[in-house]
Amino acid sequence: MCFLLLATFSPSLDGKINLWIDTDIGGDIDDALAISFALSRPEFNIVGISVVDDQNERRLMTLQWLLKQFGRDDIPLYRGWGKPILWGGGVRRGDASLTYPREFSGEYKGGVYDNAPKGILEAIERYDGDLVLLTVGAMTNAAIAYLSAPQTFKKLKKYVAMAGCFNEQKVEYNVVRDPYSAEVILESGIKPVLVGLDVTQRCALDREKQKKIKAKHPFLGELIDEFLRRAGWAEGTPILHDPLACAIIIDESLVKKEPRRLAVELEGGYTRGMMCGAEGEPNAEVCVDVDVERFLTMFVESLSK
């Protein structure tokens, strides 16, 4: 079924970036904002979106609802893996509950398909490697795609992930949800671009910027308000972790990057899931600085004009 769907695609025109988004939408608000940003940018040809982590079906429901609001219920959606590829013991850290679930009714024209890793691999083949993979959740689907067909996965034009924290001793959520998958990606040889908490935490969407987006997309304003209320941050501001990872696909000059050799701590009781420096040749590009104001301007203008 996936193959038949992908066979209907046409190669992107006018130099568009073929983009696949893998998301754990529904927990933090930044997934929804990243997808909204991608939908609003003419540079992207979004060829598929997959969900990952627990509660696949509820995440798919929220995703269908969001895409319907933008009139983009033509994008194929995929169920992904709901568990880590391996869990070596101990409590699985992090709360995967949905903070702003949404119901969807009616027909979703793009279709909902099984097996996200297979869908990613077929998209790579269909676009002859001219595909960017963006993961803004656990890397489980990406790791399984790589393990299933390493040579095909390595044809990716680029892999960008919101993952890690590199200048502080901090465990980041997307990595700790599936540390072994993150390690698989780091050892794959594809050298992902990693956008970590070091830079994303500086990118806050203040009230004035929220108002501009709400004026254009009232449903996004309601979603932001609900998330902040349910998360107990009613007086706070959303942090644009995932939107920054999406934005640098268009303009890498928004960030400063450094090549580094990284490994994932797989065993420590408190450090499990931490990305650490390691000896050897670089296996990733790490974002170490960001032009905050230029990124925020880009983000707000994309969703308000």
C-alpha atoms as a PDB file:
ATOM      1  CA  MET A   1       0.000   0.000   0.000  1.00  0.00           C
ATOM      2  CA  CYS A   2       2.782   2.423   0.854  1.00  0.00           C
ATOM      3  CA  PHE A   3       4.475   1.767  -2.476  1.00  0.00           C
ATOM      4  CA  LEU A   4       1.327   2.472  -4.414  1.00  0.00           C
ATOM      5  CA  LEU A   5       0.884   5.732  -2.549  1.00  0.00           C
ATOM      6  CA  LEU A   6       4.427   6.882  -3.174  1.00  0.00           C
ATOM      7  CA  ALA A   7       4.175   5.953  -6.819  1.00  0.00           C
ATOM      8  CA  THR A   8       1.592   8.738  -7.195  1.00  0.00           C
ATOM      9  CA  PHE A   9       4.108  11.393  -6.123  1.00  0.00           C
ATOM     10  CA  SER A  10       5.810  13.643  -8.636  1.00  0.00           C
ATOM     11  CA  PRO A  11       9.320  14.957  -8.072  1.00  0.00           C
ATOM     12  CA  SER A  12       9.292  18.381  -6.485  1.00  0.00           C
ATOM     13  CA  LEU A  13       9.347  21.356  -8.837  1.00  0.00           C
ATOM     14  CA  ASP A  14      11.039  24.747  -8.650  1.00  0.00           C
ATOM     15  CA  GLY A  15      13.779  23.514  -6.362  1.00  0.00           C
ATOM     16  CA  LYS A  16      11.494  22.731  -3.432  1.00  0.00           C
ATOM     17  CA  ILE A  17      12.889  20.809  -0.474  1.00  0.00           C
ATOM     18  CA  ASN A  18      11.336  17.369  -0.191  1.00  0.00           C
ATOM     19  CA  LEU A  19      10.653  16.996   3.522  1.00  0.00           C
ATOM     20  CA  TRP A  20       9.557  14.111   5.737  1.00  0.00           C
ATOM     21  CA  ILE A  21       8.588  15.044   9.314  1.00  0.00           C
ATOM     22  CA  ASP A  22       8.640  12.496  12.141  1.00  0.00           C
ATOM     23  CA  THR A  23       6.890  13.827  15.242  1.00  0.00           C
ATOM     24  CA  ASP A  24       5.574  13.040  18.717  1.00  0.00           C
ATOM     25  CA  ILE A  25       2.946  15.768  18.370  1.00  0.00           C
ATOM     26  CA  GLY A  26       0.631  16.342  21.311  1.00  0.00           C
ATOM     27  CA  GLY A  27       2.946  16.676  24.285  1.00  0.00           C
ATOM     28  CA  ASP A  28       4.708  20.019  24.009  1.00  0.00           C
ATOM     29  CA  ILE A  29       3.255  22.653  21.655  1.00  0.00           C
ATOM     30  CA  ASP A  30       6.457  22.968  19.613  1.00  0.00           C
ATOM     31  CA  ASP A  31       5.671  19.996  17.344  1.00  0.00           C
ATOM     32  CA  ALA A  32       2.427  21.595  16.192  1.00  0.00           C
ATOM     33  CA  LEU A  33       4.193  24.926  15.699  1.00  0.00           C
ATOM     34  CA  ALA A  34       7.000  23.308  13.705  1.00  0.00           C
ATOM     35  CA  ILE A  35       4.534  21.550  11.423  1.00  0.00           C
ATOM     36  CA  SER A  36       2.525  24.772  11.058  1.00  0.00           C
ATOM     37  CA  PHE A  37       5.734  26.599  10.137  1.00  0.00           C
ATOM     38  CA  ALA A  38       6.632  23.954   7.540  1.00  0.00           C
ATOM     39  CA  LEU A  39       3.144  24.152   6.023  1.00  0.00           C
ATOM     40  CA  SER A  40       3.498  27.924   5.729  1.00  0.00           C
ATOM     41  CA  ARG A  41       6.848  27.900   3.932  1.00  0.00           C
ATOM     42  CA  PRO A  42       6.830  27.720   0.116  1.00  0.00           C
ATOM     43  CA  GLU A  43      10.282  26.115   0.142  1.00  0.00           C
ATOM     44  CA  PHE A  44       8.917  22.796   1.377  1.00  0.00           C
ATOM     45  CA  ASN A  45       7.279  19.908  -0.416  1.00  0.00           C
ATOM     46  CA  ILE A  46       6.076  17.842   2.548  1.00  0.00           C
ATOM     47  CA  VAL A  47       5.927  14.281   1.244  1.00  0.00           C
ATOM     48  CA  GLY A  48       4.973  12.502   4.472  1.00  0.00           C
ATOM     49  CA  ILE A  49       4.521  12.896   8.218  1.00  0.00           C
ATOM     50  CA  SER A  50       4.878  10.055  10.708  1.00  0.00           C
ATOM     51  CA  VAL A  51       4.218   9.779  14.420  1.00  0.00           C
ATOM     52  CA  VAL A  52       6.398   8.134  17.042  1.00  0.00           C
ATOM     53  CA  ASP A  53       6.266   7.131  20.718  1.00  0.00           C
ATOM     54  CA  ASP A  54       3.296   6.035  22.825  1.00  0.00           C
ATOM     55  CA  GLN A  55      -0.294   6.865  21.870  1.00  0.00           C
ATOM     56  CA  ASN A  56       0.198   6.698  18.111  1.00  0.00           C
ATOM     57  CA  GLU A  57      -3.514   6.860  17.348  1.00  0.00           C
ATOM     58  CA  ARG A  58      -4.167   9.948  19.466  1.00  0.00           C
ATOM     59  CA  ARG A  59      -1.155  11.647  17.949  1.00  0.00           C
ATOM     60  CA  LEU A  60      -2.471  10.843  14.486  1.00  0.00           C
ATOM     61  CA  MET A  61      -5.844  12.279  15.444  1.00  0.00           C
ATOM     62  CA  THR A  62      -4.261  15.555  16.560  1.00  0.00           C
ATOM     63  CA  LEU A  63      -2.108  15.651  13.429  1.00  0.00           C
ATOM     64  CA  GLN A  64      -5.077  15.119  11.115  1.00  0.00           C
ATOM     65  CA  TRP A  65      -6.975  17.875  12.907  1.00  0.00           C
ATOM     66  CA  LEU A  66      -4.063  20.308  12.547  1.00  0.00           C
ATOM     67  CA  LEU A  67      -3.504  19.593   8.868  1.00  0.00           C
ATOM     68  CA  LYS A  68      -7.220  19.974   8.195  1.00  0.00           C
ATOM     69  CA  GLN A  69      -7.117  23.486   9.683  1.00  0.00           C
ATOM     70  CA  PHE A  70      -4.484  24.420   7.108  1.00  0.00           C
ATOM     71  CA  GLY A  71      -6.410  22.753   4.290  1.00  0.00           C
ATOM     72  CA  ARG A  72      -3.588  20.234   3.846  1.00  0.00           C
ATOM     73  CA  ASP A  73      -5.311  16.933   4.433  1.00  0.00           C
ATOM     74  CA  ASP A  74      -3.572  15.682   1.287  1.00  0.00           C
ATOM     75  CA  ILE A  75      -0.299  14.752   3.040  1.00  0.00           C
ATOM     76  CA  PRO A  76       0.189  10.997   3.685  1.00  0.00           C
ATOM     77  CA  LEU A  77       0.431  10.103   7.374  1.00  0.00           C
ATOM     78  CA  TYR A  78       2.105   7.084   8.940  1.00  0.00           C
ATOM     79  CA  ARG A  79       1.852   5.164  12.167  1.00  0.00           C
ATOM     80  CA  GLY A  80       5.234   4.676  13.738  1.00  0.00           C
ATOM     81  CA  TRP A  81       6.770   2.690  16.558  1.00  0.00           C
ATOM     82  CA  GLY A  82       5.300   3.331  19.979  1.00  0.00           C
ATOM     83  CA  LYS A  83       8.112   1.799  22.031  1.00  0.00           C
ATOM     84  CA  PRO A  84      11.912   2.050  22.093  1.00  0.00           C
ATOM     85  CA  ILE A  85      13.818  -0.425  19.946  1.00  0.00           C
ATOM     86  CA  LEU A  86      15.389  -1.736  23.163  1.00  0.00           C
ATOM     87  CA  TRP A  87      14.860  -1.001  26.804  1.00  0.00           C
ATOM     88  CA  GLY A  88      17.598  -2.217  29.080  1.00  0.00           C
ATOM     89  CA  GLY A  89      15.800  -1.834  32.386  1.00  0.00           C
ATOM     90  CA  GLY A  90      14.760   0.850  34.808  1.00  0.00           C
ATOM     91  CA  VAL A  91      11.964   3.348  34.586  1.00  0.00           C
ATOM     92  CA  ARG A  92      11.298   4.866  31.184  1.00  0.00           C
ATOM     93  CA  ARG A  93      11.802   8.558  31.818  1.00  0.00           C
ATOM     94  CA  GLY A  94       9.623  11.386  30.600  1.00  0.00           C
ATOM     95  CA  ASP A  95       5.877  11.867  30.391  1.00  0.00           C
ATOM     96  CA  ALA A  96       4.449  10.970  26.971  1.00  0.00           C
ATOM     97  CA  SER A  97       0.922  12.152  27.749  1.00  0.00           C
ATOM     98  CA  LEU A  98      -0.863  14.417  25.284  1.00  0.00           C
ATOM     99  CA  THR A  99      -1.338  17.958  26.546  1.00  0.00           C
ATOM    100  CA  TYR A 100      -3.675  19.166  23.804  1.00  0.00           C
ATOM    101  CA  PRO A 101      -5.423  16.167  22.149  1.00  0.00           C
ATOM    102  CA  ARG A 102      -7.786  16.925  19.274  1.00  0.00           C
ATOM    103  CA  GLU A 103     -10.554  14.901  17.690  1.00  0.00           C
ATOM    104  CA  PHE A 104     -10.792  14.533  13.928  1.00  0.00           C
ATOM    105  CA  SER A 105     -13.890  13.500  12.025  1.00  0.00           C
ATOM    106  CA  GLY A 106     -14.596  12.972   8.371  1.00  0.00           C
ATOM    107  CA  GLU A 107     -12.348  11.784   5.582  1.00  0.00           C
ATOM    108  CA  TYR A 108      -8.608  12.359   5.648  1.00  0.00           C
ATOM    109  CA  LYS A 109      -7.750  12.546   1.968  1.00  0.00           C
ATOM    110  CA  GLY A 110      -4.036  11.866   2.261  1.00  0.00           C
ATOM    111  CA  GLY A 111      -4.573   8.497   3.905  1.00  0.00           C
ATOM    112  CA  VAL A 112      -3.179   6.985   7.091  1.00  0.00           C
ATOM    113  CA  TYR A 113      -0.720   4.144   6.583  1.00  0.00           C
ATOM    114  CA  ASP A 114       1.186   1.659   8.699  1.00  0.00           C
ATOM    115  CA  ASN A 115       4.945   1.232   9.072  1.00  0.00           C
ATOM    116  CA  ALA A 116       6.596   4.646   9.164  1.00  0.00           C
ATOM    117  CA  PRO A 117      10.150   3.256   8.696  1.00  0.00           C
ATOM    118  CA  LYS A 118       9.068   1.577   5.464  1.00  0.00           C
ATOM    119  CA  GLY A 119       7.388   4.786   4.333  1.00  0.00           C
ATOM    120  CA  ILE A 120      10.585   6.768   4.962  1.00  0.00           C
ATOM    121  CA  LEU A 121      12.669   4.286   2.967  1.00  0.00           C
ATOM    122  CA  GLU A 122      10.222   4.293   0.057  1.00  0.00           C
ATOM    123  CA  ALA A 123      10.247   8.086   0.003  1.00  0.00           C
ATOM    124  CA  ILE A 124      14.061   8.081  -0.126  1.00  0.00           C
ATOM    125  CA  GLU A 125      13.916   5.742  -3.111  1.00  0.00           C
ATOM    126  CA  ARG A 126      11.125   7.662  -4.801  1.00  0.00           C
ATOM    127  CA  TYR A 127      13.042  10.942  -4.625  1.00  0.00           C
ATOM    128  CA  ASP A 128      16.371   9.278  -5.397  1.00  0.00           C
ATOM    129  CA  GLY A 129      17.853  10.498  -2.123  1.00  0.00           C
ATOM    130  CA  ASP A 130      16.665  14.091  -2.579  1.00  0.00           C
ATOM    131  CA  LEU A 131      14.858  13.994   0.756  1.00  0.00           C
ATOM    132  CA  VAL A 132      15.398  15.728   4.078  1.00  0.00           C
ATOM    133  CA  LEU A 133      14.306  13.844   7.204  1.00  0.00           C
ATOM    134  CA  LEU A 134      13.357  15.942  10.222  1.00  0.00           C
ATOM    135  CA  THR A 135      12.780  14.135  13.508  1.00  0.00           C
ATOM    136  CA  VAL A 136      11.308  16.111  16.388  1.00  0.00           C
ATOM    137  CA  GLY A 137      10.649  13.212  18.726  1.00  0.00           C
ATOM    138  CA  ALA A 138      12.382   9.970  19.619  1.00  0.00           C
ATOM    139  CA  MET A 139      14.542   8.654  16.771  1.00  0.00           C
ATOM    140  CA  THR A 140      12.899   5.215  16.775  1.00  0.00           C
ATOM    141  CA  ASN A 141      11.365   5.316  13.287  1.00  0.00           C
ATOM    142  CA  ALA A 142      14.579   6.668  11.789  1.00  0.00           C
ATOM    143  CA  ALA A 143      16.734   4.051  13.518  1.00  0.00           C
ATOM    144  CA  ILE A 144      14.493   1.203  12.380  1.00  0.00           C
ATOM    145  CA  ALA A 145      14.553   2.547   8.820  1.00  0.00           C
ATOM    146  CA  TYR A 146      18.349   2.582   8.934  1.00  0.00           C
ATOM    147  CA  LEU A 147      18.605  -0.903  10.426  1.00  0.00           C
ATOM    148  CA  SER A 148      16.138  -2.229   7.836  1.00  0.00           C
ATOM    149  CA  ALA A 149      17.996  -0.861   4.810  1.00  0.00           C
ATOM    150  CA  PRO A 150      21.245   0.952   5.698  1.00  0.00           C
ATOM    151  CA  GLN A 151      22.330   1.720   2.139  1.00  0.00           C
ATOM    152  CA  THR A 152      18.959   3.182   1.232  1.00  0.00           C
ATOM    153  CA  PHE A 153      18.811   5.283   4.396  1.00  0.00           C
ATOM    154  CA  LYS A 154      22.297   6.652   3.713  1.00  0.00           C
ATOM    155  CA  LYS A 155      20.995   8.148   0.458  1.00  0.00           C
ATOM    156  CA  LEU A 156      19.192  10.830   2.514  1.00  0.00           C
ATOM    157  CA  LYS A 157      20.178  14.319   1.455  1.00  0.00           C
ATOM    158  CA  LYS A 158      20.124  15.462   5.075  1.00  0.00           C
ATOM    159  CA  TYR A 159      18.936  14.350   8.496  1.00  0.00           C
ATOM    160  CA  VAL A 160      18.074  17.058  11.034  1.00  0.00           C
ATOM    161  CA  ALA A 161      16.965  16.222  14.574  1.00  0.00           C
ATOM    162  CA  MET A 162      15.873  18.253  17.565  1.00  0.00           C
ATOM    163  CA  ALA A 163      17.889  16.236  20.040  1.00  0.00           C
ATOM    164  CA  GLY A 164      20.465  16.486  22.774  1.00  0.00           C
ATOM    165  CA  CYS A 165      22.103  19.128  24.927  1.00  0.00           C
ATOM    166  CA  PHE A 166      25.772  19.681  24.293  1.00  0.00           C
ATOM    167  CA  ASN A 167      27.196  22.438  26.461  1.00  0.00           C
ATOM    168  CA  GLU A 168      25.412  21.475  29.664  1.00  0.00           C
ATOM    169  CA  GLN A 169      25.127  18.193  31.524  1.00  0.00           C
ATOM    170  CA  LYS A 170      21.477  17.659  30.789  1.00  0.00           C
ATOM    171  CA  VAL A 171      19.383  14.765  29.501  1.00  0.00           C
ATOM    172  CA  GLU A 172      17.135  15.824  26.627  1.00  0.00           C
ATOM    173  CA  TYR A 173      13.634  14.368  26.232  1.00  0.00           C
ATOM    174  CA  ASN A 174      13.747  13.141  22.620  1.00  0.00           C
ATOM    175  CA  VAL A 175      16.928  11.182  23.275  1.00  0.00           C
ATOM    176  CA  VAL A 176      15.927   9.714  26.621  1.00  0.00           C
ATOM    177  CA  ARG A 177      12.686   8.345  25.179  1.00  0.00           C
ATOM    178  CA  ASP A 178      14.795   5.958  23.073  1.00  0.00           C
ATOM    179  CA  PRO A 179      18.545   6.208  23.774  1.00  0.00           C
ATOM    180  CA  TYR A 180      19.445   3.145  21.696  1.00  0.00           C
ATOM    181  CA  SER A 181      17.853   4.636  18.586  1.00  0.00           C
ATOM    182  CA  ALA A 182      19.869   7.814  19.049  1.00  0.00           C
ATOM    183  CA  GLU A 183      23.028   5.716  19.335  1.00  0.00           C
ATOM    184  CA  VAL A 184      22.113   3.836  16.145  1.00  0.00           C
ATOM    185  CA  ILE A 185      21.801   7.118  14.256  1.00  0.00           C
ATOM    186  CA  LEU A 186      25.119   8.420  15.589  1.00  0.00           C
ATOM    187  CA  GLU A 187      26.853   5.202  14.533  1.00  0.00           C
ATOM    188  CA  SER A 188      25.150   5.074  11.122  1.00  0.00           C
ATOM    189  CA  GLY A 189      27.665   7.321   9.381  1.00  0.00           C
ATOM    190  CA  ILE A 190      25.092   9.829   8.102  1.00  0.00           C
ATOM    191  CA  LYS A 191      26.288  12.683  10.382  1.00  0.00           C
ATOM    192  CA  PRO A 192      22.972  14.201  11.477  1.00  0.00           C
ATOM    193  CA  VAL A 193      22.566  17.886  12.244  1.00  0.00           C
ATOM    194  CA  LEU A 194      21.536  18.062  15.905  1.00  0.00           C
ATOM    195  CA  VAL A 195      19.644  21.049  17.275  1.00  0.00           C
ATOM    196  CA  GLY A 196      19.863  20.814  21.047  1.00  0.00           C
ATOM    197  CA  LEU A 197      18.504  22.523  24.115  1.00  0.00           C
ATOM    198  CA  ASP A 198      21.586  24.742  24.251  1.00  0.00           C
ATOM    199  CA  VAL A 199      20.189  26.841  21.422  1.00  0.00           C
ATOM    200  CA  THR A 200      16.448  26.096  21.385  1.00  0.00           C
ATOM    201  CA  GLN A 201      15.828  27.256  24.961  1.00  0.00           C
ATOM    202  CA  ARG A 202      16.758  30.760  23.868  1.00  0.00           C
ATOM    203  CA  CYS A 203      13.891  30.869  21.351  1.00  0.00           C
ATOM    204  CA  ALA A 204      10.807  31.897  23.317  1.00  0.00           C
ATOM    205  CA  LEU A 205       7.578  33.024  21.647  1.00  0.00           C
ATOM    206  CA  ASP A 206       6.562  36.046  23.725  1.00  0.00           C
ATOM    207  CA  ARG A 207       3.018  37.425  24.064  1.00  0.00           C
ATOM    208  CA  GLU A 208       3.334  40.053  21.346  1.00  0.00           C
ATOM    209  CA  LYS A 209       4.543  37.507  18.831  1.00  0.00           C
ATOM    210  CA  GLN A 210       1.775  35.109  19.857  1.00  0.00           C
ATOM    211  CA  LYS A 211      -0.804  37.825  19.151  1.00  0.00           C
ATOM    212  CA  LYS A 212       0.431  38.227  15.579  1.00  0.00           C
ATOM    213  CA  ILE A 213       0.062  34.508  14.932  1.00  0.00           C
ATOM    214  CA  LYS A 214      -3.357  34.348  16.619  1.00  0.00           C
ATOM    215  CA  ALA A 215      -4.631  37.147  14.366  1.00  0.00           C
ATOM    216  CA  LYS A 216      -3.848  35.026  11.293  1.00  0.00           C
ATOM    217  CA  HIS A 217      -4.587  31.571  12.720  1.00  0.00           C
ATOM    218  CA  PRO A 218      -7.019  31.742  15.677  1.00  0.00           C
ATOM    219  CA  PHE A 219      -6.947  27.955  16.092  1.00  0.00           C
ATOM    220  CA  LEU A 220      -3.191  28.079  16.711  1.00  0.00           C
ATOM    221  CA  GLY A 221      -3.701  30.754  19.336  1.00  0.00           C
ATOM    222  CA  GLU A 222      -6.278  28.574  21.077  1.00  0.00           C
ATOM    223  CA  LEU A 223      -3.913  25.594  20.896  1.00  0.00           C
ATOM    224  CA  ILE A 224      -1.067  27.569  22.456  1.00  0.00           C
ATOM    225  CA  ASP A 225      -3.298  28.887  25.240  1.00  0.00           C
ATOM    226  CA  GLU A 226      -4.626  25.415  26.010  1.00  0.00           C
ATOM    227  CA  PHE A 227      -1.160  23.902  26.113  1.00  0.00           C
ATOM    228  CA  LEU A 228       0.159  26.591  28.462  1.00  0.00           C
ATOM    229  CA  ARG A 229      -2.852  26.189  30.745  1.00  0.00           C
ATOM    230  CA  ARG A 230      -2.725  22.390  30.884  1.00  0.00           C
ATOM    231  CA  ALA A 231       1.034  22.359  31.353  1.00  0.00           C
ATOM    232  CA  GLY A 232       0.714  24.760  34.278  1.00  0.00           C
ATOM    233  CA  TRP A 233       2.563  27.523  32.430  1.00  0.00           C
ATOM    234  CA  ALA A 234      -0.338  29.920  31.973  1.00  0.00           C
ATOM    235  CA  GLU A 235       1.937  32.927  32.440  1.00  0.00           C
ATOM    236  CA  GLY A 236       4.787  31.426  30.444  1.00  0.00           C
ATOM    237  CA  THR A 237       5.776  31.333  26.817  1.00  0.00           C
ATOM    238  CA  PRO A 238       6.205  28.433  24.381  1.00  0.00           C
ATOM    239  CA  ILE A 239       9.785  27.531  23.544  1.00  0.00           C
ATOM    240  CA  LEU A 240      10.353  26.925  19.833  1.00  0.00           C
ATOM    241  CA  HIS A 241      12.538  23.832  20.067  1.00  0.00           C
ATOM    242  CA  ASP A 242      11.205  21.988  17.023  1.00  0.00           C
ATOM    243  CA  PRO A 243      10.497  25.046  14.825  1.00  0.00           C
ATOM    244  CA  LEU A 244      14.173  26.005  14.999  1.00  0.00           C
ATOM    245  CA  ALA A 245      15.181  22.551  13.764  1.00  0.00           C
ATOM    246  CA  CYS A 246      12.748  22.986  10.877  1.00  0.00           C
ATOM    247  CA  ALA A 247      13.897  26.517  10.075  1.00  0.00           C
ATOM    248  CA  ILE A 248      17.577  25.652   9.668  1.00  0.00           C
ATOM    249  CA  ILE A 249      16.652  23.301   6.822  1.00  0.00           C
ATOM    250  CA  ILE A 250      15.767  26.457   4.901  1.00  0.00           C
ATOM    251  CA  ASP A 251      18.531  28.675   6.272  1.00  0.00           C
ATOM    252  CA  GLU A 252      21.469  27.067   8.064  1.00  0.00           C
ATOM    253  CA  SER A 253      22.998  30.496   8.661  1.00  0.00           C
ATOM    254  CA  LEU A 254      20.497  30.897  11.514  1.00  0.00           C
ATOM    255  CA  VAL A 255      22.816  28.753  13.628  1.00  0.00           C
ATOM    256  CA  LYS A 256      26.499  28.178  14.204  1.00  0.00           C
ATOM    257  CA  LYS A 257      27.511  24.520  13.964  1.00  0.00           C
ATOM    258  CA  GLU A 258      30.481  22.456  15.051  1.00  0.00           C
ATOM    259  CA  PRO A 259      31.453  18.921  14.045  1.00  0.00           C
ATOM    260  CA  ARG A 260      31.689  16.651  17.063  1.00  0.00           C
ATOM    261  CA  ARG A 261      32.069  13.019  17.965  1.00  0.00           C
ATOM    262  CA  LEU A 262      29.173  11.992  20.183  1.00  0.00           C
ATOM    263  CA  ALA A 263      27.965   8.897  21.987  1.00  0.00           C
ATOM    264  CA  VAL A 264      24.814   8.227  24.005  1.00  0.00           C
ATOM    265  CA  GLU A 265      25.003   7.100  27.634  1.00  0.00           C
ATOM    266  CA  LEU A 266      22.950   3.901  27.718  1.00  0.00           C
ATOM    267  CA  GLU A 267      23.377   2.620  31.255  1.00  0.00           C
ATOM    268  CA  GLY A 268      23.624   5.394  33.858  1.00  0.00           C
ATOM    269  CA  GLY A 269      20.790   5.691  36.325  1.00  0.00           C
ATOM    270  CA  TYR A 270      20.750   9.498  36.105  1.00  0.00           C
ATOM    271  CA  THR A 271      22.662  10.037  32.865  1.00  0.00           C
ATOM    272  CA  ARG A 272      20.947   7.460  30.648  1.00  0.00           C
ATOM    273  CA  GLY A 273      20.068   9.231  27.415  1.00  0.00           C
ATOM    274  CA  MET A 274      22.715  11.950  27.737  1.00  0.00           C
ATOM    275  CA  MET A 275      24.666  12.727  24.571  1.00  0.00           C
ATOM    276  CA  CYS A 276      28.345  12.946  25.495  1.00  0.00           C
ATOM    277  CA  GLY A 277      31.548  13.877  23.745  1.00  0.00           C
ATOM    278  CA  ALA A 278      33.598  10.919  22.538  1.00  0.00           C
ATOM    279  CA  GLU A 279      36.983  10.297  20.932  1.00  0.00           C
ATOM    280  CA  GLY A 280      37.294   9.830  17.198  1.00  0.00           C
ATOM    281  CA  GLU A 281      36.198  11.400  13.957  1.00  0.00           C
ATOM    282  CA  PRO A 282      33.082  13.638  14.107  1.00  0.00           C
ATOM    283  CA  ASN A 283      29.808  11.780  13.609  1.00  0.00           C
ATOM    284  CA  ALA A 284      27.414  14.738  13.894  1.00  0.00           C
ATOM    285  CA  GLU A 285      27.087  18.451  13.381  1.00  0.00           C
ATOM    286  CA  VAL A 286      26.002  20.188  16.569  1.00  0.00           C
ATOM    287  CA  CYS A 287      24.332  23.592  16.762  1.00  0.00           C
ATOM    288  CA  VAL A 288      26.125  25.730  19.339  1.00  0.00           C
ATOM    289  CA  ASP A 289      24.672  29.199  18.738  1.00  0.00           C
ATOM    290  CA  VAL A 290      21.602  30.786  17.155  1.00  0.00           C
ATOM    291  CA  ASP A 291      20.603  34.177  15.787  1.00  0.00           C
ATOM    292  CA  VAL A 292      17.514  34.361  17.978  1.00  0.00           C
ATOM    293  CA  GLU A 293      15.949  37.539  16.649  1.00  0.00           C
ATOM    294  CA  ARG A 294      16.367  36.607  13.003  1.00  0.00           C
ATOM    295  CA  PHE A 295      14.849  33.185  13.617  1.00  0.00           C
ATOM    296  CA  LEU A 296      11.911  34.582  15.606  1.00  0.00           C
ATOM    297  CA  THR A 297      11.226  37.137  12.885  1.00  0.00           C
ATOM    298  CA  MET A 298      11.266  34.408  10.257  1.00  0.00           C
ATOM    299  CA  PHE A 299       8.958  32.206  12.310  1.00  0.00           C
ATOM    300  CA  VAL A 300       6.383  34.866  13.179  1.00  0.00           C
ATOM    301  CA  GLU A 301       6.264  36.347   9.681  1.00  0.00           C
ATOM    302  CA  SER A 302       5.738  32.881   8.211  1.00  0.00           C
ATOM    303  CA  LEU A 303       2.663  32.307  10.379  1.00  0.00           C
ATOM    304  CA  SER A 304       1.221  35.812  10.443  1.00  0.00           C
ATOM    305  CA  LYS A 305       1.356  37.082   6.846  1.00  0.00           C
END
